[in-house]
C-alpha atoms as a PDB file:
ATOM      1  CA  UNK A   1       9.790 -15.231  -7.589  1.00  0.00           C
ATOM      2  CA  UNK A   2      11.690 -12.780  -9.744  1.00  0.00           C
ATOM      3  CA  UNK A   3      10.125 -11.090 -12.766  1.00  0.00           C
ATOM      4  CA  UNK A   4      12.696  -9.023 -14.676  1.00  0.00           C
ATOM      5  CA  UNK A   5      14.576  -8.324 -11.471  1.00  0.00           C
ATOM      6  CA  UNK A   6      11.559  -7.452  -9.297  1.00  0.00           C
ATOM      7  CA  UNK A   7      10.634  -9.775  -6.426  1.00  0.00           C
ATOM      8  CA  UNK A   8       7.010 -10.911  -6.419  1.00  0.00           C
ATOM      9  CA  UNK A   9       5.804 -12.804  -3.365  1.00  0.00           C
ATOM     10  CA  UNK A  10       3.950 -16.010  -4.102  1.00  0.00           C
ATOM     11  CA  UNK A  11       0.800 -15.234  -2.138  1.00  0.00           C
ATOM     12  CA  UNK A  12      -2.911 -15.485  -2.739  1.00  0.00           C
ATOM     13  CA  UNK A  13      -5.405 -13.138  -1.061  1.00  0.00           C
ATOM     14  CA  UNK A  14      -5.638 -15.174   2.148  1.00  0.00           C
ATOM     15  CA  UNK A  15      -1.863 -15.480   2.500  1.00  0.00           C
ATOM     16  CA  UNK A  16      -1.395 -11.750   1.823  1.00  0.00           C
ATOM     17  CA  UNK A  17      -3.942 -10.904   4.518  1.00  0.00           C
ATOM     18  CA  UNK A  18      -2.257 -13.319   6.939  1.00  0.00           C
ATOM     19  CA  UNK A  19       1.063 -11.529   6.316  1.00  0.00           C
ATOM     20  CA  UNK A  20      -0.615  -8.171   6.979  1.00  0.00           C
ATOM     21  CA  UNK A  21      -1.940  -9.518  10.278  1.00  0.00           C
ATOM     22  CA  UNK A  22       1.598 -10.580  11.203  1.00  0.00           C
ATOM     23  CA  UNK A  23       2.839  -7.097  10.320  1.00  0.00           C
ATOM     24  CA  UNK A  24       0.179  -5.518  12.543  1.00  0.00           C
ATOM     25  CA  UNK A  25       1.565  -7.537  15.467  1.00  0.00           C
ATOM     26  CA  UNK A  26       5.145  -6.383  14.783  1.00  0.00           C
ATOM     27  CA  UNK A  27       7.082  -3.457  16.196  1.00  0.00           C
ATOM     28  CA  UNK A  28       8.386  -2.024  12.925  1.00  0.00           C
ATOM     29  CA  UNK A  29       7.107  -0.454   9.736  1.00  0.00           C
ATOM     30  CA  UNK A  30       6.410  -3.052   7.065  1.00  0.00           C
ATOM     31  CA  UNK A  31       5.962  -1.939   3.466  1.00  0.00           C
ATOM     32  CA  UNK A  32       3.487  -3.504   1.072  1.00  0.00           C
ATOM     33  CA  UNK A  33       3.615  -2.760  -2.647  1.00  0.00           C
ATOM     34  CA  UNK A  34       1.376  -3.953  -5.464  1.00  0.00           C
ATOM     35  CA  UNK A  35       3.543  -4.565  -8.534  1.00  0.00           C
ATOM     36  CA  UNK A  36       1.785  -4.849 -11.861  1.00  0.00           C
ATOM     37  CA  UNK A  37       3.364  -4.984 -15.339  1.00  0.00           C
ATOM     38  CA  UNK A  38       3.719  -1.184 -15.428  1.00  0.00           C
ATOM     39  CA  UNK A  39       5.762  -1.315 -12.197  1.00  0.00           C
ATOM     40  CA  UNK A  40       8.052  -3.951 -13.730  1.00  0.00           C
ATOM     41  CA  UNK A  41       8.630  -1.863 -16.862  1.00  0.00           C
ATOM     42  CA  UNK A  42       9.259   1.308 -14.834  1.00  0.00           C
ATOM     43  CA  UNK A  43      11.648  -0.566 -12.533  1.00  0.00           C
ATOM     44  CA  UNK A  44      13.720  -1.560 -15.575  1.00  0.00           C
ATOM     45  CA  UNK A  45      14.350   2.141 -16.248  1.00  0.00           C
ATOM     46  CA  UNK A  46      14.435   3.383 -12.642  1.00  0.00           C
ATOM     47  CA  UNK A  47      16.971   1.448 -10.566  1.00  0.00           C
ATOM     48  CA  UNK A  48      16.033   3.313  -7.364  1.00  0.00           C
ATOM     49  CA  UNK A  49      12.420   2.201  -7.832  1.00  0.00           C
ATOM     50  CA  UNK A  50      13.543  -1.401  -8.418  1.00  0.00           C
ATOM     51  CA  UNK A  51      15.638  -1.320  -5.250  1.00  0.00           C
ATOM     52  CA  UNK A  52      12.676   0.036  -3.254  1.00  0.00           C
ATOM     53  CA  UNK A  53      10.342  -2.662  -4.601  1.00  0.00           C
ATOM     54  CA  UNK A  54      12.855  -5.367  -3.753  1.00  0.00           C
ATOM     55  CA  UNK A  55      13.272  -4.057  -0.203  1.00  0.00           C
ATOM     56  CA  UNK A  56       9.552  -4.252   0.612  1.00  0.00           C
ATOM     57  CA  UNK A  57       8.121  -6.517   3.271  1.00  0.00           C
ATOM     58  CA  UNK A  58       5.546  -7.854   0.798  1.00  0.00           C
ATOM     59  CA  UNK A  59       4.996  -7.458  -2.954  1.00  0.00           C
ATOM     60  CA  UNK A  60       1.574  -8.762  -3.886  1.00  0.00           C
ATOM     61  CA  UNK A  61       0.973  -9.831  -7.510  1.00  0.00           C
ATOM     62  CA  UNK A  62      -1.411  -7.111  -8.682  1.00  0.00           C
ATOM     63  CA  UNK A  63      -2.007  -7.653 -12.353  1.00  0.00           C
ATOM     64  CA  UNK A  64      -3.003 -10.389 -14.744  1.00  0.00           C
ATOM     65  CA  UNK A  65       0.268  -9.751 -16.568  1.00  0.00           C
ATOM     66  CA  UNK A  66       2.155 -10.765 -13.430  1.00  0.00           C
ATOM     67  CA  UNK A  67       0.179 -14.014 -13.224  1.00  0.00           C
ATOM     68  CA  UNK A  68       0.811 -14.626 -16.944  1.00  0.00           C
ATOM     69  CA  UNK A  69       4.563 -14.021 -16.493  1.00  0.00           C
ATOM     70  CA  UNK A  70       4.649 -16.434 -13.546  1.00  0.00           C
ATOM     71  CA  UNK A  71       3.241 -19.142 -15.806  1.00  0.00           C
ATOM     72  CA  UNK A  72       5.873 -18.415 -18.455  1.00  0.00           C
ATOM     73  CA  UNK A  73       8.525 -18.829 -15.750  1.00  0.00           C
ATOM     74  CA  UNK A  74       6.984 -22.210 -14.814  1.00  0.00           C
ATOM     75  CA  UNK A  75       6.189 -20.899 -11.315  1.00  0.00           C
ATOM     76  CA  UNK A  76       2.465 -20.205 -11.697  1.00  0.00           C
ATOM     77  CA  UNK A  77       0.861 -17.992  -9.100  1.00  0.00           C
ATOM     78  CA  UNK A  78      -2.490 -19.132  -7.750  1.00  0.00           C
ATOM     79  CA  UNK A  79      -4.215 -15.827  -8.399  1.00  0.00           C
ATOM     80  CA  UNK A  80      -3.926 -12.135  -8.961  1.00  0.00           C
ATOM     81  CA  UNK A  81      -4.171 -10.236  -5.678  1.00  0.00           C
ATOM     82  CA  UNK A  82      -5.671  -6.894  -6.651  1.00  0.00           C
ATOM     83  CA  UNK A  83      -4.472  -4.124  -4.358  1.00  0.00           C
ATOM     84  CA  UNK A  84      -7.944  -2.592  -4.178  1.00  0.00           C
ATOM     85  CA  UNK A  85      -9.506  -5.885  -3.052  1.00  0.00           C
ATOM     86  CA  UNK A  86      -6.664  -6.463  -0.594  1.00  0.00           C
ATOM     87  CA  UNK A  87      -7.273  -3.052   1.019  1.00  0.00           C
ATOM     88  CA  UNK A  88     -10.956  -3.920   1.459  1.00  0.00           C
ATOM     89  CA  UNK A  89     -10.030  -7.210   3.132  1.00  0.00           C
ATOM     90  CA  UNK A  90      -7.755  -5.234   5.438  1.00  0.00           C
ATOM     91  CA  UNK A  91     -10.580  -2.789   6.238  1.00  0.00           C
ATOM     92  CA  UNK A  92     -12.905  -5.684   7.021  1.00  0.00           C
ATOM     93  CA  UNK A  93     -10.332  -7.156   9.379  1.00  0.00           C
ATOM     94  CA  UNK A  94      -9.414  -3.760  10.819  1.00  0.00           C
ATOM     95  CA  UNK A  95     -12.943  -2.709  11.743  1.00  0.00           C
ATOM     96  CA  UNK A  96     -13.241  -5.620  14.164  1.00  0.00           C
ATOM     97  CA  UNK A  97      -9.679  -5.551  15.491  1.00  0.00           C
ATOM     98  CA  UNK A  98      -9.074  -1.930  16.482  1.00  0.00           C
ATOM     99  CA  UNK A  99      -6.763  -1.174  13.536  1.00  0.00           C
ATOM    100  CA  UNK A 100      -6.361   2.523  12.721  1.00  0.00           C
ATOM    101  CA  UNK A 101      -5.838   3.890   9.201  1.00  0.00           C
ATOM    102  CA  UNK A 102      -4.592   7.129   7.647  1.00  0.00           C
ATOM    103  CA  UNK A 103      -5.384   8.050   4.019  1.00  0.00           C
ATOM    104  CA  UNK A 104      -2.750  10.160   2.220  1.00  0.00           C
ATOM    105  CA  UNK A 105      -3.078  11.205  -1.389  1.00  0.00           C
ATOM    106  CA  UNK A 106      -5.391  11.912  -4.311  1.00  0.00           C
ATOM    107  CA  UNK A 107      -6.926  15.282  -5.195  1.00  0.00           C
ATOM    108  CA  UNK A 108      -8.158  17.700  -2.514  1.00  0.00           C
ATOM    109  CA  UNK A 109     -11.291  16.328  -0.848  1.00  0.00           C
ATOM    110  CA  UNK A 110     -10.933  12.781  -2.209  1.00  0.00           C
ATOM    111  CA  UNK A 111      -9.207  11.220   0.828  1.00  0.00           C
ATOM    112  CA  UNK A 112     -11.854  12.704   3.137  1.00  0.00           C
ATOM    113  CA  UNK A 113     -14.666  11.460   0.875  1.00  0.00           C
ATOM    114  CA  UNK A 114     -13.015   8.006   0.716  1.00  0.00           C
ATOM    115  CA  UNK A 115     -12.898   7.994   4.512  1.00  0.00           C
ATOM    116  CA  UNK A 116     -16.615   8.845   4.732  1.00  0.00           C
ATOM    117  CA  UNK A 117     -17.549   6.124   2.244  1.00  0.00           C
ATOM    118  CA  UNK A 118     -15.405   3.433   3.856  1.00  0.00           C
ATOM    119  CA  UNK A 119     -16.684   4.224   7.359  1.00  0.00           C
ATOM    120  CA  UNK A 120     -20.227   3.778   6.001  1.00  0.00           C
ATOM    121  CA  UNK A 121     -19.311   0.527   4.271  1.00  0.00           C
ATOM    122  CA  UNK A 122     -17.338  -0.847   7.252  1.00  0.00           C
ATOM    123  CA  UNK A 123     -19.014   0.363  10.468  1.00  0.00           C
ATOM    124  CA  UNK A 124     -16.385   0.539  13.171  1.00  0.00           C
ATOM    125  CA  UNK A 125     -13.552   1.321  10.735  1.00  0.00           C
ATOM    126  CA  UNK A 126     -11.136   3.745  12.407  1.00  0.00           C
ATOM    127  CA  UNK A 127      -9.713   6.241   9.894  1.00  0.00           C
ATOM    128  CA  UNK A 128      -7.862   8.683  12.137  1.00  0.00           C
ATOM    129  CA  UNK A 129      -6.599  11.100   9.489  1.00  0.00           C
ATOM    130  CA  UNK A 130      -6.591  12.163   5.875  1.00  0.00           C
ATOM    131  CA  UNK A 131      -4.565  14.488   3.680  1.00  0.00           C
ATOM    132  CA  UNK A 132      -4.642  15.079  -0.058  1.00  0.00           C
ATOM    133  CA  UNK A 133      -1.599  14.441  -2.200  1.00  0.00           C
ATOM    134  CA  UNK A 134      -1.216  17.996  -3.462  1.00  0.00           C
ATOM    135  CA  UNK A 135       1.364  19.244  -1.013  1.00  0.00           C
ATOM    136  CA  UNK A 136       4.615  21.108  -1.491  1.00  0.00           C
ATOM    137  CA  UNK A 137       8.020  19.997  -0.263  1.00  0.00           C
ATOM    138  CA  UNK A 138       7.638  22.640   2.454  1.00  0.00           C
ATOM    139  CA  UNK A 139       4.362  21.058   3.616  1.00  0.00           C
ATOM    140  CA  UNK A 140       5.711  17.504   3.483  1.00  0.00           C
ATOM    141  CA  UNK A 141       7.402  17.651   6.899  1.00  0.00           C
ATOM    142  CA  UNK A 142       4.268  19.082   8.537  1.00  0.00           C
ATOM    143  CA  UNK A 143       2.159  16.279   7.041  1.00  0.00           C
ATOM    144  CA  UNK A 144       4.717  13.733   8.153  1.00  0.00           C
ATOM    145  CA  UNK A 145       4.694  15.163  11.686  1.00  0.00           C
ATOM    146  CA  UNK A 146       0.880  14.885  11.719  1.00  0.00           C
ATOM    147  CA  UNK A 147       1.012  11.240  10.656  1.00  0.00           C
ATOM    148  CA  UNK A 148       3.632  10.457  13.314  1.00  0.00           C
ATOM    149  CA  UNK A 149       1.598  12.229  16.003  1.00  0.00           C
ATOM    150  CA  UNK A 150      -1.564  10.284  15.108  1.00  0.00           C
ATOM    151  CA  UNK A 151       0.330   6.951  14.902  1.00  0.00           C
ATOM    152  CA  UNK A 152      -1.975   5.071  12.516  1.00  0.00           C
ATOM    153  CA  UNK A 153      -1.464   1.317  12.336  1.00  0.00           C
ATOM    154  CA  UNK A 154      -1.824   1.431   8.556  1.00  0.00           C
ATOM    155  CA  UNK A 155      -0.806   4.286   6.246  1.00  0.00           C
ATOM    156  CA  UNK A 156      -2.352   4.188   2.767  1.00  0.00           C
ATOM    157  CA  UNK A 157      -0.349   6.313   0.318  1.00  0.00           C
ATOM    158  CA  UNK A 158      -2.073   7.211  -2.949  1.00  0.00           C
ATOM    159  CA  UNK A 159       0.443   9.396  -4.794  1.00  0.00           C
ATOM    160  CA  UNK A 160       0.789   7.273  -7.917  1.00  0.00           C
ATOM    161  CA  UNK A 161       3.695   5.015  -8.693  1.00  0.00           C
ATOM    162  CA  UNK A 162       6.647   5.348  -8.256  1.00  0.00           C
ATOM    163  CA  UNK A 163       6.147   8.529  -6.212  1.00  0.00           C
ATOM    164  CA  UNK A 164       4.187   6.729  -3.467  1.00  0.00           C
ATOM    165  CA  UNK A 165       6.766   3.949  -3.103  1.00  0.00           C
ATOM    166  CA  UNK A 166       9.590   6.508  -2.966  1.00  0.00           C
ATOM    167  CA  UNK A 167       7.675   8.523  -0.346  1.00  0.00           C
ATOM    168  CA  UNK A 168       7.151   5.415   1.787  1.00  0.00           C
ATOM    169  CA  UNK A 169      10.796   4.393   1.424  1.00  0.00           C
ATOM    170  CA  UNK A 170      11.979   7.883   2.408  1.00  0.00           C
ATOM    171  CA  UNK A 171      10.080   7.778   5.694  1.00  0.00           C
ATOM    172  CA  UNK A 172       9.776   4.088   6.591  1.00  0.00           C
ATOM    173  CA  UNK A 173      12.654   4.218   9.077  1.00  0.00           C
ATOM    174  CA  UNK A 174      10.909   7.001  10.991  1.00  0.00           C
ATOM    175  CA  UNK A 175       7.356   5.725  10.591  1.00  0.00           C
ATOM    176  CA  UNK A 176       5.381   4.676  13.647  1.00  0.00           C
ATOM    177  CA  UNK A 177       2.844   2.753  11.524  1.00  0.00           C
ATOM    178  CA  UNK A 178       3.023  -1.045  11.349  1.00  0.00           C
ATOM    179  CA  UNK A 179       2.139  -1.075   7.637  1.00  0.00           C
ATOM    180  CA  UNK A 180       2.625   1.443   4.828  1.00  0.00           C
ATOM    181  CA  UNK A 181       0.963   0.557   1.522  1.00  0.00           C
ATOM    182  CA  UNK A 182       1.173   2.189  -1.888  1.00  0.00           C
ATOM    183  CA  UNK A 183      -2.407   2.209  -3.120  1.00  0.00           C
ATOM    184  CA  UNK A 184      -2.375   4.158  -6.396  1.00  0.00           C
ATOM    185  CA  UNK A 185      -5.882   5.236  -7.410  1.00  0.00           C
ATOM    186  CA  UNK A 186      -7.687   3.315  -4.656  1.00  0.00           C
ATOM    187  CA  UNK A 187      -8.822   6.433  -2.778  1.00  0.00           C
ATOM    188  CA  UNK A 188     -10.447   7.808  -5.946  1.00  0.00           C
ATOM    189  CA  UNK A 189     -12.399   4.576  -6.409  1.00  0.00           C
ATOM    190  CA  UNK A 190     -13.381   4.448  -2.737  1.00  0.00           C
ATOM    191  CA  UNK A 191     -14.635   8.027  -2.897  1.00  0.00           C
END
């Protein structure tokens, strides 16, 4: 469905997870974004951001405002699919299916702490790398090279929106990962 020019996929949590499983079996980088009303408003002002959102592999409806808008458009979504909850479902699946993750973003120390907490919560979870989001343009290529060398199946990018979506879009053609997800403040909450 289209909400003010931004594509929202009509998925519930189970369908979103099924799509992620399909992406993990693919041979290309698939992008997953979590549009909420703030994304929609920002996309109205930032055409590059709107284009990036509309080029994603999956846009999950993250926000009660998105569900409300779907009802106004007479195409009601079944449920809100909160990005944070979706990531946890992906961790639960990943721990039993040899899926590797990389956490990029948040303040110094937060990604590492999030890794420690998630490995405790999901024994067997394979987080193969972390890096905070406070890097310079000069450091960006080095970080990117590290991610490509490690080849995580899933890259979680927590740089805030729209910076994280623009970062993912910039590198998705070169990315070895099967899934790249913009996760906003999720690493802070996990930590």
